[in-house]
Amino acid sequence: MVCFHDNPEKYNNPAMLHNIDQEMLRCIDLDDRLKAMDQEITMNPQFVQKSMGSQDDDSGNKPSSYS
């Protein structure tokens, strides 16, 4: 059986609930910013061109071994 001793953080008061709420809001904000950055990158013509070019290079450099 697991026994926890002297946990300094208590989660049963309004101050801790506020702290948890603030951390969740920060995480949600970070997630939104990352999604926006990802969308911006994937819509960038230079990124699309480079990613398509690297796929062409990958398929074009390997000789076919099918006979």
PDB file of N, CA and C in Angstrom:
ATOM      1  N   MET A   1       0.837  -1.171   0.000  1.00  0.00           N
ATOM      2  CA  MET A   1       0.000   0.000   0.000  1.00  0.00           C
ATOM      3  C   MET A   1       0.894   1.250   0.000  1.00  0.00           C
ATOM      4  N   VAL A   2       0.459   2.253  -0.721  1.00  0.00           N
ATOM      5  CA  VAL A   2       1.209   3.503  -0.812  1.00  0.00           C
ATOM      6  C   VAL A   2       0.753   4.442   0.296  1.00  0.00           C
ATOM      7  N   CYS A   3       1.724   5.079   0.919  1.00  0.00           N
ATOM      8  CA  CYS A   3       1.417   6.028   1.990  1.00  0.00           C
ATOM      9  C   CYS A   3       2.204   7.313   1.731  1.00  0.00           C
ATOM     10  N   PHE A   4       1.510   8.437   1.659  1.00  0.00           N
ATOM     11  CA  PHE A   4       2.155   9.720   1.417  1.00  0.00           C
ATOM     12  C   PHE A   4       2.265  10.484   2.736  1.00  0.00           C
ATOM     13  N   HIS A   5       3.447  11.004   3.007  1.00  0.00           N
ATOM     14  CA  HIS A   5       3.686  11.735   4.250  1.00  0.00           C
ATOM     15  C   HIS A   5       3.979  13.201   3.957  1.00  0.00           C
ATOM     16  N   ASP A   6       3.401  14.069   4.735  1.00  0.00           N
ATOM     17  CA  ASP A   6       3.729  15.498   4.739  1.00  0.00           C
ATOM     18  C   ASP A   6       3.727  16.136   3.358  1.00  0.00           C
ATOM     19  N   ASN A   7       2.628  16.044   2.644  1.00  0.00           N
ATOM     20  CA  ASN A   7       2.496  16.737   1.370  1.00  0.00           C
ATOM     21  C   ASN A   7       2.308  18.224   1.661  1.00  0.00           C
ATOM     22  N   PRO A   8       3.257  19.084   1.249  1.00  0.00           N
ATOM     23  CA  PRO A   8       3.162  20.510   1.582  1.00  0.00           C
ATOM     24  C   PRO A   8       2.058  21.234   0.813  1.00  0.00           C
ATOM     25  N   GLU A   9       1.620  20.696  -0.323  1.00  0.00           N
ATOM     26  CA  GLU A   9       0.587  21.356  -1.099  1.00  0.00           C
ATOM     27  C   GLU A   9      -0.777  20.775  -0.748  1.00  0.00           C
ATOM     28  N   LYS A  10      -1.673  21.657  -0.441  1.00  0.00           N
ATOM     29  CA  LYS A  10      -3.050  21.258  -0.172  1.00  0.00           C
ATOM     30  C   LYS A  10      -3.895  21.729  -1.352  1.00  0.00           C
ATOM     31  N   TYR A  11      -4.734  20.857  -1.853  1.00  0.00           N
ATOM     32  CA  TYR A  11      -5.528  21.165  -3.038  1.00  0.00           C
ATOM     33  C   TYR A  11      -6.988  21.434  -2.696  1.00  0.00           C
ATOM     34  N   ASN A  12      -7.275  21.686  -1.446  1.00  0.00           N
ATOM     35  CA  ASN A  12      -8.663  21.849  -1.032  1.00  0.00           C
ATOM     36  C   ASN A  12      -8.987  23.277  -0.608  1.00  0.00           C
ATOM     37  N   ASN A  13      -8.362  24.257  -1.267  1.00  0.00           N
ATOM     38  CA  ASN A  13      -8.673  25.643  -0.917  1.00  0.00           C
ATOM     39  C   ASN A  13      -8.780  26.482  -2.186  1.00  0.00           C
ATOM     40  N   PRO A  14      -9.427  27.627  -2.102  1.00  0.00           N
ATOM     41  CA  PRO A  14      -9.635  28.474  -3.283  1.00  0.00           C
ATOM     42  C   PRO A  14      -8.337  28.973  -3.924  1.00  0.00           C
ATOM     43  N   ALA A  15      -7.314  29.214  -3.139  1.00  0.00           N
ATOM     44  CA  ALA A  15      -6.049  29.709  -3.701  1.00  0.00           C
ATOM     45  C   ALA A  15      -5.427  28.672  -4.626  1.00  0.00           C
ATOM     46  N   MET A  16      -5.442  27.412  -4.224  1.00  0.00           N
ATOM     47  CA  MET A  16      -4.871  26.362  -5.066  1.00  0.00           C
ATOM     48  C   MET A  16      -5.721  26.162  -6.315  1.00  0.00           C
ATOM     49  N   LEU A  17      -7.034  26.240  -6.171  1.00  0.00           N
ATOM     50  CA  LEU A  17      -7.909  26.138  -7.338  1.00  0.00           C
ATOM     51  C   LEU A  17      -7.601  27.257  -8.328  1.00  0.00           C
ATOM     52  N   HIS A  18      -7.371  28.453  -7.812  1.00  0.00           N
ATOM     53  CA  HIS A  18      -7.013  29.583  -8.676  1.00  0.00           C
ATOM     54  C   HIS A  18      -5.675  29.321  -9.381  1.00  0.00           C
ATOM     55  N   ASN A  19      -4.687  28.796  -8.660  1.00  0.00           N
ATOM     56  CA  ASN A  19      -3.386  28.483  -9.266  1.00  0.00           C
ATOM     57  C   ASN A  19      -3.530  27.446 -10.375  1.00  0.00           C
ATOM     58  N   ILE A  20      -4.299  26.415 -10.120  1.00  0.00           N
ATOM     59  CA  ILE A  20      -4.507  25.372 -11.132  1.00  0.00           C
ATOM     60  C   ILE A  20      -5.226  25.956 -12.340  1.00  0.00           C
ATOM     61  N   ASP A  21      -6.225  26.788 -12.089  1.00  0.00           N
ATOM     62  CA  ASP A  21      -6.963  27.422 -13.178  1.00  0.00           C
ATOM     63  C   ASP A  21      -6.041  28.290 -14.026  1.00  0.00           C
ATOM     64  N   GLN A  22      -5.165  29.062 -13.391  1.00  0.00           N
ATOM     65  CA  GLN A  22      -4.227  29.914 -14.121  1.00  0.00           C
ATOM     66  C   GLN A  22      -3.254  29.083 -14.959  1.00  0.00           C
ATOM     67  N   GLU A  23      -2.770  27.987 -14.405  1.00  0.00           N
ATOM     68  CA  GLU A  23      -1.867  27.110 -15.156  1.00  0.00           C
ATOM     69  C   GLU A  23      -2.570  26.505 -16.367  1.00  0.00           C
ATOM     70  N   MET A  24      -3.827  26.119 -16.185  1.00  0.00           N
ATOM     71  CA  MET A  24      -4.588  25.565 -17.303  1.00  0.00           C
ATOM     72  C   MET A  24      -4.786  26.612 -18.395  1.00  0.00           C
ATOM     73  N   LEU A  25      -5.084  27.844 -18.001  1.00  0.00           N
ATOM     74  CA  LEU A  25      -5.252  28.916 -18.981  1.00  0.00           C
ATOM     75  C   LEU A  25      -3.955  29.180 -19.741  1.00  0.00           C
ATOM     76  N   ARG A  26      -2.828  29.129 -19.037  1.00  0.00           N
ATOM     77  CA  ARG A  26      -1.533  29.309 -19.704  1.00  0.00           C
ATOM     78  C   ARG A  26      -1.285  28.189 -20.711  1.00  0.00           C
ATOM     79  N   CYS A  27      -1.631  26.968 -20.334  1.00  0.00           N
ATOM     80  CA  CYS A  27      -1.441  25.828 -21.240  1.00  0.00           C
ATOM     81  C   CYS A  27      -2.344  25.941 -22.463  1.00  0.00           C
ATOM     82  N   ILE A  28      -3.580  26.368 -22.253  1.00  0.00           N
ATOM     83  CA  ILE A  28      -4.506  26.546 -23.370  1.00  0.00           C
ATOM     84  C   ILE A  28      -4.000  27.640 -24.299  1.00  0.00           C
ATOM     85  N   ASP A  29      -3.512  28.736 -23.733  1.00  0.00           N
ATOM     86  CA  ASP A  29      -2.965  29.826 -24.541  1.00  0.00           C
ATOM     87  C   ASP A  29      -1.755  29.356 -25.343  1.00  0.00           C
ATOM     88  N   LEU A  30      -0.880  28.602 -24.713  1.00  0.00           N
ATOM     89  CA  LEU A  30       0.289  28.072 -25.411  1.00  0.00           C
ATOM     90  C   LEU A  30      -0.135  27.152 -26.545  1.00  0.00           C
ATOM     91  N   ASP A  31      -1.118  26.294 -26.296  1.00  0.00           N
ATOM     92  CA  ASP A  31      -1.615  25.395 -27.331  1.00  0.00           C
ATOM     93  C   ASP A  31      -2.178  26.183 -28.510  1.00  0.00           C
ATOM     94  N   ASP A  32      -2.934  27.237 -28.230  1.00  0.00           N
ATOM     95  CA  ASP A  32      -3.487  28.073 -29.297  1.00  0.00           C
ATOM     96  C   ASP A  32      -2.383  28.736 -30.117  1.00  0.00           C
ATOM     97  N   ARG A  33      -1.359  29.234 -29.435  1.00  0.00           N
ATOM     98  CA  ARG A  33      -0.251  29.873 -30.153  1.00  0.00           C
ATOM     99  C   ARG A  33       0.507  28.864 -31.008  1.00  0.00           C
ATOM    100  N   LEU A  34       0.714  27.657 -30.489  1.00  0.00           N
ATOM    101  CA  LEU A  34       1.404  26.625 -31.271  1.00  0.00           C
ATOM    102  C   LEU A  34       0.588  26.209 -32.489  1.00  0.00           C
ATOM    103  N   LYS A  35      -0.717  26.100 -32.331  1.00  0.00           N
ATOM    104  CA  LYS A  35      -1.579  25.765 -33.467  1.00  0.00           C
ATOM    105  C   LYS A  35      -1.510  26.852 -34.533  1.00  0.00           C
ATOM    106  N   ALA A  36      -1.527  28.115 -34.103  1.00  0.00           N
ATOM    107  CA  ALA A  36      -1.446  29.229 -35.049  1.00  0.00           C
ATOM    108  C   ALA A  36      -0.106  29.221 -35.776  1.00  0.00           C
ATOM    109  N   MET A  37       0.974  28.954 -35.054  1.00  0.00           N
ATOM    110  CA  MET A  37       2.293  28.889 -35.691  1.00  0.00           C
ATOM    111  C   MET A  37       2.357  27.737 -36.683  1.00  0.00           C
ATOM    112  N   ASP A  38       1.805  26.592 -36.313  1.00  0.00           N
ATOM    113  CA  ASP A  38       1.799  25.440 -37.201  1.00  0.00           C
ATOM    114  C   ASP A  38       1.013  25.747 -38.471  1.00  0.00           C
ATOM    115  N   GLN A  39      -0.139  26.384 -38.317  1.00  0.00           N
ATOM    116  CA  GLN A  39      -0.958  26.752 -39.473  1.00  0.00           C
ATOM    117  C   GLN A  39      -0.200  27.735 -40.365  1.00  0.00           C
ATOM    118  N   GLU A  40       0.465  28.697 -39.751  1.00  0.00           N
ATOM    119  CA  GLU A  40       1.222  29.692 -40.512  1.00  0.00           C
ATOM    120  C   GLU A  40       2.366  29.036 -41.286  1.00  0.00           C
ATOM    121  N   ILE A  41       3.038  28.094 -40.657  1.00  0.00           N
ATOM    122  CA  ILE A  41       4.157  27.412 -41.315  1.00  0.00           C
ATOM    123  C   ILE A  41       3.664  26.554 -42.467  1.00  0.00           C
ATOM    124  N   THR A  42       2.594  25.792 -42.247  1.00  0.00           N
ATOM    125  CA  THR A  42       2.120  24.894 -43.305  1.00  0.00           C
ATOM    126  C   THR A  42       1.516  25.652 -44.476  1.00  0.00           C
ATOM    127  N   MET A  43       1.099  26.891 -44.261  1.00  0.00           N
ATOM    128  CA  MET A  43       0.554  27.693 -45.356  1.00  0.00           C
ATOM    129  C   MET A  43       1.625  28.549 -46.029  1.00  0.00           C
ATOM    130  N   ASN A  44       2.839  28.531 -45.524  1.00  0.00           N
ATOM    131  CA  ASN A  44       3.929  29.316 -46.080  1.00  0.00           C
ATOM    132  C   ASN A  44       4.388  28.677 -47.393  1.00  0.00           C
ATOM    133  N   PRO A  45       4.350  29.423 -48.496  1.00  0.00           N
ATOM    134  CA  PRO A  45       4.739  28.847 -49.791  1.00  0.00           C
ATOM    135  C   PRO A  45       6.172  28.312 -49.815  1.00  0.00           C
ATOM    136  N   GLN A  46       7.087  28.977 -49.121  1.00  0.00           N
ATOM    137  CA  GLN A  46       8.470  28.496 -49.091  1.00  0.00           C
ATOM    138  C   GLN A  46       8.559  27.141 -48.406  1.00  0.00           C
ATOM    139  N   PHE A  47       7.826  26.964 -47.312  1.00  0.00           N
ATOM    140  CA  PHE A  47       7.836  25.683 -46.603  1.00  0.00           C
ATOM    141  C   PHE A  47       7.247  24.588 -47.485  1.00  0.00           C
ATOM    142  N   VAL A  48       6.139  24.893 -48.142  1.00  0.00           N
ATOM    143  CA  VAL A  48       5.495  23.899 -49.010  1.00  0.00           C
ATOM    144  C   VAL A  48       6.436  23.508 -50.136  1.00  0.00           C
ATOM    145  N   GLN A  49       7.085  24.488 -50.741  1.00  0.00           N
ATOM    146  CA  GLN A  49       8.005  24.205 -51.839  1.00  0.00           C
ATOM    147  C   GLN A  49       9.176  23.352 -51.364  1.00  0.00           C
ATOM    148  N   LYS A  50       9.755  23.694 -50.228  1.00  0.00           N
ATOM    149  CA  LYS A  50      10.888  22.916 -49.719  1.00  0.00           C
ATOM    150  C   LYS A  50      10.465  21.508 -49.323  1.00  0.00           C
ATOM    151  N   SER A  51       9.299  21.377 -48.693  1.00  0.00           N
ATOM    152  CA  SER A  51       8.869  20.042 -48.273  1.00  0.00           C
ATOM    153  C   SER A  51       8.531  19.182 -49.480  1.00  0.00           C
ATOM    154  N   MET A  52       7.954  19.758 -50.510  1.00  0.00           N
ATOM    155  CA  MET A  52       7.669  18.993 -51.728  1.00  0.00           C
ATOM    156  C   MET A  52       8.966  18.668 -52.457  1.00  0.00           C
ATOM    157  N   GLY A  53       9.918  19.583 -52.435  1.00  0.00           N
ATOM    158  CA  GLY A  53      11.207  19.334 -53.066  1.00  0.00           C
ATOM    159  C   GLY A  53      11.966  18.225 -52.380  1.00  0.00           C
ATOM    160  N   SER A  54      11.889  18.153 -51.069  1.00  0.00           N
ATOM    161  CA  SER A  54      12.598  17.092 -50.354  1.00  0.00           C
ATOM    162  C   SER A  54      11.950  15.746 -50.614  1.00  0.00           C
ATOM    163  N   GLN A  55      10.644  15.708 -50.813  1.00  0.00           N
ATOM    164  CA  GLN A  55       9.981  14.448 -51.146  1.00  0.00           C
ATOM    165  C   GLN A  55      10.391  13.996 -52.545  1.00  0.00           C
ATOM    166  N   ASP A  56      10.504  14.942 -53.472  1.00  0.00           N
ATOM    167  CA  ASP A  56      10.953  14.593 -54.820  1.00  0.00           C
ATOM    168  C   ASP A  56      12.377  14.080 -54.789  1.00  0.00           C
ATOM    169  N   ASP A  57      13.236  14.716 -53.986  1.00  0.00           N
ATOM    170  CA  ASP A  57      14.621  14.277 -53.871  1.00  0.00           C
ATOM    171  C   ASP A  57      14.695  12.877 -53.289  1.00  0.00           C
ATOM    172  N   ASP A  58      13.878  12.608 -52.286  1.00  0.00           N
ATOM    173  CA  ASP A  58      13.895  11.294 -51.648  1.00  0.00           C
ATOM    174  C   ASP A  58      13.506  10.200 -52.629  1.00  0.00           C
ATOM    175  N   SER A  59      12.498  10.453 -53.444  1.00  0.00           N
ATOM    176  CA  SER A  59      12.053   9.416 -54.369  1.00  0.00           C
ATOM    177  C   SER A  59      12.935   9.362 -55.615  1.00  0.00           C
ATOM    178  N   GLY A  60      13.565  10.470 -55.991  1.00  0.00           N
ATOM    179  CA  GLY A  60      14.362  10.504 -57.206  1.00  0.00           C
ATOM    180  C   GLY A  60      15.778  10.000 -57.039  1.00  0.00           C
ATOM    181  N   ASN A  61      16.344  10.046 -55.863  1.00  0.00           N
ATOM    182  CA  ASN A  61      17.733   9.656 -55.652  1.00  0.00           C
ATOM    183  C   ASN A  61      17.930   8.159 -55.513  1.00  0.00           C
ATOM    184  N   LYS A  62      16.884   7.437 -55.176  1.00  0.00           N
ATOM    185  CA  LYS A  62      17.032   6.007 -54.958  1.00  0.00           C
ATOM    186  C   LYS A  62      16.726   5.255 -56.251  1.00  0.00           C
ATOM    187  N   PRO A  63      17.660   4.448 -56.714  1.00  0.00           N
ATOM    188  CA  PRO A  63      17.368   3.671 -57.916  1.00  0.00           C
ATOM    189  C   PRO A  63      16.342   2.585 -57.598  1.00  0.00           C
ATOM    190  N   SER A  64      15.522   2.328 -58.562  1.00  0.00           N
ATOM    191  CA  SER A  64      14.494   1.315 -58.372  1.00  0.00           C
ATOM    192  C   SER A  64      15.104  -0.071 -58.470  1.00  0.00           C
ATOM    193  N   SER A  65      14.766  -0.940 -57.526  1.00  0.00           N
ATOM    194  CA  SER A  65      15.318  -2.292 -57.543  1.00  0.00           C
ATOM    195  C   SER A  65      14.285  -3.300 -58.019  1.00  0.00           C
ATOM    196  N   TYR A  66      13.160  -2.808 -58.526  1.00  0.00           N
ATOM    197  CA  TYR A  66      12.128  -3.717 -59.024  1.00  0.00           C
ATOM    198  C   TYR A  66      12.461  -4.140 -60.446  1.00  0.00           C
ATOM    199  N   SER A  67      12.425  -5.426 -60.696  1.00  0.00           N
ATOM    200  CA  SER A  67      12.723  -5.923 -62.043  1.00  0.00           C
ATOM    201  C   SER A  67      11.581  -6.739 -62.567  1.00  0.00           C
TER     202      SER A  67
END
